[in-house]
Amino acid sequence: MAPDRRLIALLGDWTGSEELFATAWTAAGSARGALSVEPGPDGILLDYVESRDDASGSPLVAHAVVAGGGFWWFDTYGFTPAAPGSATWVDEALVLDRRSDRGRTVLRLRVDGDRLTLELDTAVPADAVPAPLARGVYTRQPAQG
C-alpha cells in the first residue's frame, strides 16, 4: 500500500510561534514550537517541543505515534494513555482526538506548502464543548545536509 500523500506532506522539521490560551492550569501567553515528523509503521512519528516565551516552567516535550486509525501521545506531563485516540482526516486536516477521565483534546494539523498550522482544543470534562488551548503557525525547515 502506498503511503498517504497527506501524511507525506507532514514529514520534516517545523518551527514557529504559538498563541496559548488560559486554562485552569496555565496562564495565556505565547510560545515557540518545534515539530519533527518522520515516517513510522503505517503512519508517522511526531516529536514536539514547546517553550513558553515568558520562560515559565519547563518546556513541554511530547512524542506521538499515529498508525492506522490510532493515535498515542506521551509527554512530560506524565499521563500515560489508557487507550489510543483516533486519527482521521477532515478537509485535508489530520485530526487527532483523544479522551480520558481527565478530559478530551482535539489536535488538528494542516499543511499548505511549507506552512503548517496547528489547532489544539481541550474539553473538561470530555463531553464539554472544546475550547482553544493553542494555535500555532510553523515553517518547514530546510533539510540538514
C-alpha atoms as a PDB file:
ATOM      1  CA  MET A   1       0.000   0.000   0.000  1.00  0.00           C
ATOM      2  CA  ALA A   2       1.368   3.455  -0.944  1.00  0.00           C
ATOM      3  CA  PRO A   3       1.868   5.954   1.894  1.00  0.00           C
ATOM      4  CA  ASP A   4      -0.897   8.534   2.266  1.00  0.00           C
ATOM      5  CA  ARG A   5       0.141  11.730   0.421  1.00  0.00           C
ATOM      6  CA  ARG A   6      -1.355  13.801   3.250  1.00  0.00           C
ATOM      7  CA  LEU A   7       0.940  12.123   5.792  1.00  0.00           C
ATOM      8  CA  ILE A   8       3.918  12.575   3.463  1.00  0.00           C
ATOM      9  CA  ALA A   9       3.177  16.325   3.366  1.00  0.00           C
ATOM     10  CA  LEU A  10       3.613  16.451   7.169  1.00  0.00           C
ATOM     11  CA  LEU A  11       7.116  14.965   7.091  1.00  0.00           C
ATOM     12  CA  GLY A  12      10.005  17.235   8.041  1.00  0.00           C
ATOM     13  CA  ASP A  13      11.110  19.682  10.690  1.00  0.00           C
ATOM     14  CA  TRP A  14       8.886  22.638  11.521  1.00  0.00           C
ATOM     15  CA  THR A  15       9.380  25.671  13.791  1.00  0.00           C
ATOM     16  CA  GLY A  16       7.075  28.537  14.590  1.00  0.00           C
ATOM     17  CA  SER A  17       5.127  30.618  17.035  1.00  0.00           C
ATOM     18  CA  GLU A  18       2.141  29.676  19.158  1.00  0.00           C
ATOM     19  CA  GLU A  19      -0.635  31.507  20.934  1.00  0.00           C
ATOM     20  CA  LEU A  20      -1.564  29.824  24.228  1.00  0.00           C
ATOM     21  CA  PHE A  21      -4.969  30.308  25.807  1.00  0.00           C
ATOM     22  CA  ALA A  22      -5.645  30.477  29.537  1.00  0.00           C
ATOM     23  CA  THR A  23      -6.848  27.316  31.255  1.00  0.00           C
ATOM     24  CA  ALA A  24      -7.493  26.283  34.847  1.00  0.00           C
ATOM     25  CA  TRP A  25      -3.827  25.149  34.957  1.00  0.00           C
ATOM     26  CA  THR A  26      -1.928  27.800  32.999  1.00  0.00           C
ATOM     27  CA  ALA A  27      -1.980  31.465  32.005  1.00  0.00           C
ATOM     28  CA  ALA A  28      -2.394  32.710  28.448  1.00  0.00           C
ATOM     29  CA  GLY A  29       0.776  33.607  26.599  1.00  0.00           C
ATOM     30  CA  SER A  30       2.946  32.855  23.626  1.00  0.00           C
ATOM     31  CA  ALA A  31       5.491  30.161  22.861  1.00  0.00           C
ATOM     32  CA  ARG A  32       7.913  28.825  20.291  1.00  0.00           C
ATOM     33  CA  GLY A  33       7.174  25.372  18.986  1.00  0.00           C
ATOM     34  CA  ALA A  34       9.187  22.792  17.081  1.00  0.00           C
ATOM     35  CA  LEU A  35       7.843  19.634  15.477  1.00  0.00           C
ATOM     36  CA  SER A  36       9.731  16.838  13.784  1.00  0.00           C
ATOM     37  CA  VAL A  37       7.638  14.383  11.789  1.00  0.00           C
ATOM     38  CA  GLU A  38       9.126  11.142  10.454  1.00  0.00           C
ATOM     39  CA  PRO A  39       7.672   8.101   8.735  1.00  0.00           C
ATOM     40  CA  GLY A  40       6.519   5.394  11.120  1.00  0.00           C
ATOM     41  CA  PRO A  41       4.985   1.943  10.818  1.00  0.00           C
ATOM     42  CA  ASP A  42       1.695   2.507   8.954  1.00  0.00           C
ATOM     43  CA  GLY A  43       1.789   6.230   9.814  1.00  0.00           C
ATOM     44  CA  ILE A  44       4.050   8.862  11.356  1.00  0.00           C
ATOM     45  CA  LEU A  45       6.132   9.540  14.451  1.00  0.00           C
ATOM     46  CA  LEU A  46       5.947  13.067  15.810  1.00  0.00           C
ATOM     47  CA  ASP A  47       8.286  14.801  18.260  1.00  0.00           C
ATOM     48  CA  TYR A  48       7.211  18.151  19.708  1.00  0.00           C
ATOM     49  CA  VAL A  49       8.787  20.769  21.986  1.00  0.00           C
ATOM     50  CA  GLU A  50       7.028  23.896  23.240  1.00  0.00           C
ATOM     51  CA  SER A  51       8.909  26.636  25.116  1.00  0.00           C
ATOM     52  CA  ARG A  52       6.889  29.479  26.585  1.00  0.00           C
ATOM     53  CA  ASP A  53       8.195  32.940  25.696  1.00  0.00           C
ATOM     54  CA  ASP A  54       7.922  34.085  29.335  1.00  0.00           C
ATOM     55  CA  ALA A  55      10.241  31.187  30.334  1.00  0.00           C
ATOM     56  CA  SER A  56       7.753  29.976  32.954  1.00  0.00           C
ATOM     57  CA  GLY A  57       8.139  26.307  33.709  1.00  0.00           C
ATOM     58  CA  SER A  58       9.988  23.641  31.786  1.00  0.00           C
ATOM     59  CA  PRO A  59       9.419  23.110  28.083  1.00  0.00           C
ATOM     60  CA  LEU A  60       6.695  20.652  27.139  1.00  0.00           C
ATOM     61  CA  VAL A  61       8.240  17.704  25.317  1.00  0.00           C
ATOM     62  CA  ALA A  62       5.983  15.174  23.605  1.00  0.00           C
ATOM     63  CA  HIS A  63       6.127  12.134  21.355  1.00  0.00           C
ATOM     64  CA  ALA A  64       3.196  10.901  19.300  1.00  0.00           C
ATOM     65  CA  VAL A  65       2.570   7.807  17.233  1.00  0.00           C
ATOM     66  CA  VAL A  66      -0.065   7.901  14.509  1.00  0.00           C
ATOM     67  CA  ALA A  67      -0.647   4.461  13.000  1.00  0.00           C
ATOM     68  CA  GLY A  68      -3.636   3.275  11.036  1.00  0.00           C
ATOM     69  CA  GLY A  69      -6.610   4.970  12.644  1.00  0.00           C
ATOM     70  CA  GLY A  70      -4.991   5.183  16.092  1.00  0.00           C
ATOM     71  CA  PHE A  71      -3.118   7.912  17.924  1.00  0.00           C
ATOM     72  CA  TRP A  72      -0.931   7.693  21.046  1.00  0.00           C
ATOM     73  CA  TRP A  73       0.525  10.745  22.844  1.00  0.00           C
ATOM     74  CA  PHE A  74       3.224  10.748  25.526  1.00  0.00           C
ATOM     75  CA  ASP A  75       4.505  13.965  27.122  1.00  0.00           C
ATOM     76  CA  THR A  76       6.449  15.374  30.036  1.00  0.00           C
ATOM     77  CA  TYR A  77       3.224  15.900  31.973  1.00  0.00           C
ATOM     78  CA  GLY A  78       3.499  12.145  32.504  1.00  0.00           C
ATOM     79  CA  PHE A  79      -0.013  10.866  31.859  1.00  0.00           C
ATOM     80  CA  THR A  80       0.176   7.516  30.095  1.00  0.00           C
ATOM     81  CA  PRO A  81      -2.665   6.958  27.623  1.00  0.00           C
ATOM     82  CA  ALA A  82      -5.047   4.251  28.791  1.00  0.00           C
ATOM     83  CA  ALA A  83      -6.389   3.825  25.264  1.00  0.00           C
ATOM     84  CA  PRO A  84      -5.481   5.149  21.826  1.00  0.00           C
ATOM     85  CA  GLY A  85      -7.157   8.211  20.417  1.00  0.00           C
ATOM     86  CA  SER A  86      -8.421   8.396  16.857  1.00  0.00           C
ATOM     87  CA  ALA A  87      -6.635   9.723  13.785  1.00  0.00           C
ATOM     88  CA  THR A  88      -8.881  10.870  10.948  1.00  0.00           C
ATOM     89  CA  TRP A  89      -8.783  13.294   8.048  1.00  0.00           C
ATOM     90  CA  VAL A  90     -11.293  16.155   7.870  1.00  0.00           C
ATOM     91  CA  ASP A  91     -10.980  18.639   4.991  1.00  0.00           C
ATOM     92  CA  GLU A  92      -7.239  17.959   4.490  1.00  0.00           C
ATOM     93  CA  ALA A  93      -6.514  18.325   8.232  1.00  0.00           C
ATOM     94  CA  LEU A  94      -5.208  15.431  10.308  1.00  0.00           C
ATOM     95  CA  VAL A  95      -7.454  15.341  13.377  1.00  0.00           C
ATOM     96  CA  LEU A  96      -6.068  13.591  16.458  1.00  0.00           C
ATOM     97  CA  ASP A  97      -8.783  13.167  19.072  1.00  0.00           C
ATOM     98  CA  ARG A  98      -8.205  11.567  22.459  1.00  0.00           C
ATOM     99  CA  ARG A  99     -10.329  11.140  25.555  1.00  0.00           C
ATOM    100  CA  SER A 100      -9.572  10.108  29.103  1.00  0.00           C
ATOM    101  CA  ASP A 101     -11.066  10.515  32.546  1.00  0.00           C
ATOM    102  CA  ARG A 102      -9.140  13.839  32.645  1.00  0.00           C
ATOM    103  CA  GLY A 103     -10.905  15.284  29.564  1.00  0.00           C
ATOM    104  CA  ARG A 104     -10.546  15.472  25.817  1.00  0.00           C
ATOM    105  CA  THR A 105      -8.026  17.026  23.429  1.00  0.00           C
ATOM    106  CA  VAL A 106      -8.504  17.570  19.717  1.00  0.00           C
ATOM    107  CA  LEU A 107      -5.385  18.399  17.694  1.00  0.00           C
ATOM    108  CA  ARG A 108      -5.717  19.477  14.055  1.00  0.00           C
ATOM    109  CA  LEU A 109      -2.667  19.672  11.761  1.00  0.00           C
ATOM    110  CA  ARG A 110      -2.933  21.137   8.259  1.00  0.00           C
ATOM    111  CA  VAL A 111      -0.137  21.615   5.693  1.00  0.00           C
ATOM    112  CA  ASP A 112      -0.183  24.225   2.938  1.00  0.00           C
ATOM    113  CA  GLY A 113       3.148  24.014   1.095  1.00  0.00           C
ATOM    114  CA  ASP A 114       5.887  24.914   3.584  1.00  0.00           C
ATOM    115  CA  ARG A 115       3.417  26.148   6.208  1.00  0.00           C
ATOM    116  CA  LEU A 116       1.871  24.001   8.947  1.00  0.00           C
ATOM    117  CA  THR A 117      -0.976  25.172  11.155  1.00  0.00           C
ATOM    118  CA  LEU A 118      -1.845  23.597  14.483  1.00  0.00           C
ATOM    119  CA  GLU A 119      -5.095  23.972  16.397  1.00  0.00           C
ATOM    120  CA  LEU A 120      -5.363  22.313  19.795  1.00  0.00           C
ATOM    121  CA  ASP A 121      -8.641  22.364  21.705  1.00  0.00           C
ATOM    122  CA  THR A 122      -9.496  20.848  25.069  1.00  0.00           C
ATOM    123  CA  ALA A 123     -12.664  19.932  26.942  1.00  0.00           C
ATOM    124  CA  VAL A 124     -13.009  19.190  30.650  1.00  0.00           C
ATOM    125  CA  PRO A 125     -14.982  17.023  31.214  1.00  0.00           C
ATOM    126  CA  ALA A 126     -14.575  15.116  27.946  1.00  0.00           C
ATOM    127  CA  ASP A 127     -18.186  15.699  26.876  1.00  0.00           C
ATOM    128  CA  ALA A 128     -17.968  19.504  27.325  1.00  0.00           C
ATOM    129  CA  VAL A 129     -17.660  21.838  24.342  1.00  0.00           C
ATOM    130  CA  PRO A 130     -13.955  22.033  23.346  1.00  0.00           C
ATOM    131  CA  ALA A 131     -12.254  25.417  23.819  1.00  0.00           C
ATOM    132  CA  PRO A 132      -8.998  26.684  22.253  1.00  0.00           C
ATOM    133  CA  LEU A 133      -5.820  25.695  24.087  1.00  0.00           C
ATOM    134  CA  ALA A 134      -3.153  26.553  21.484  1.00  0.00           C
ATOM    135  CA  ARG A 135      -2.843  27.871  17.939  1.00  0.00           C
ATOM    136  CA  GLY A 136       0.416  27.643  16.034  1.00  0.00           C
ATOM    137  CA  VAL A 137       1.882  28.510  12.657  1.00  0.00           C
ATOM    138  CA  TYR A 138       5.111  26.772  11.648  1.00  0.00           C
ATOM    139  CA  THR A 139       7.505  26.938   8.718  1.00  0.00           C
ATOM    140  CA  ARG A 140       9.214  23.890   7.223  1.00  0.00           C
ATOM    141  CA  GLN A 141      12.948  23.991   7.898  1.00  0.00           C
ATOM    142  CA  PRO A 142      15.488  23.113   5.207  1.00  0.00           C
ATOM    143  CA  ALA A 143      16.760  19.543   5.356  1.00  0.00           C
ATOM    144  CA  GLN A 144      20.111  19.175   7.083  1.00  0.00           C
ATOM    145  CA  GLY A 145      22.695  18.048   4.553  1.00  0.00           C
END
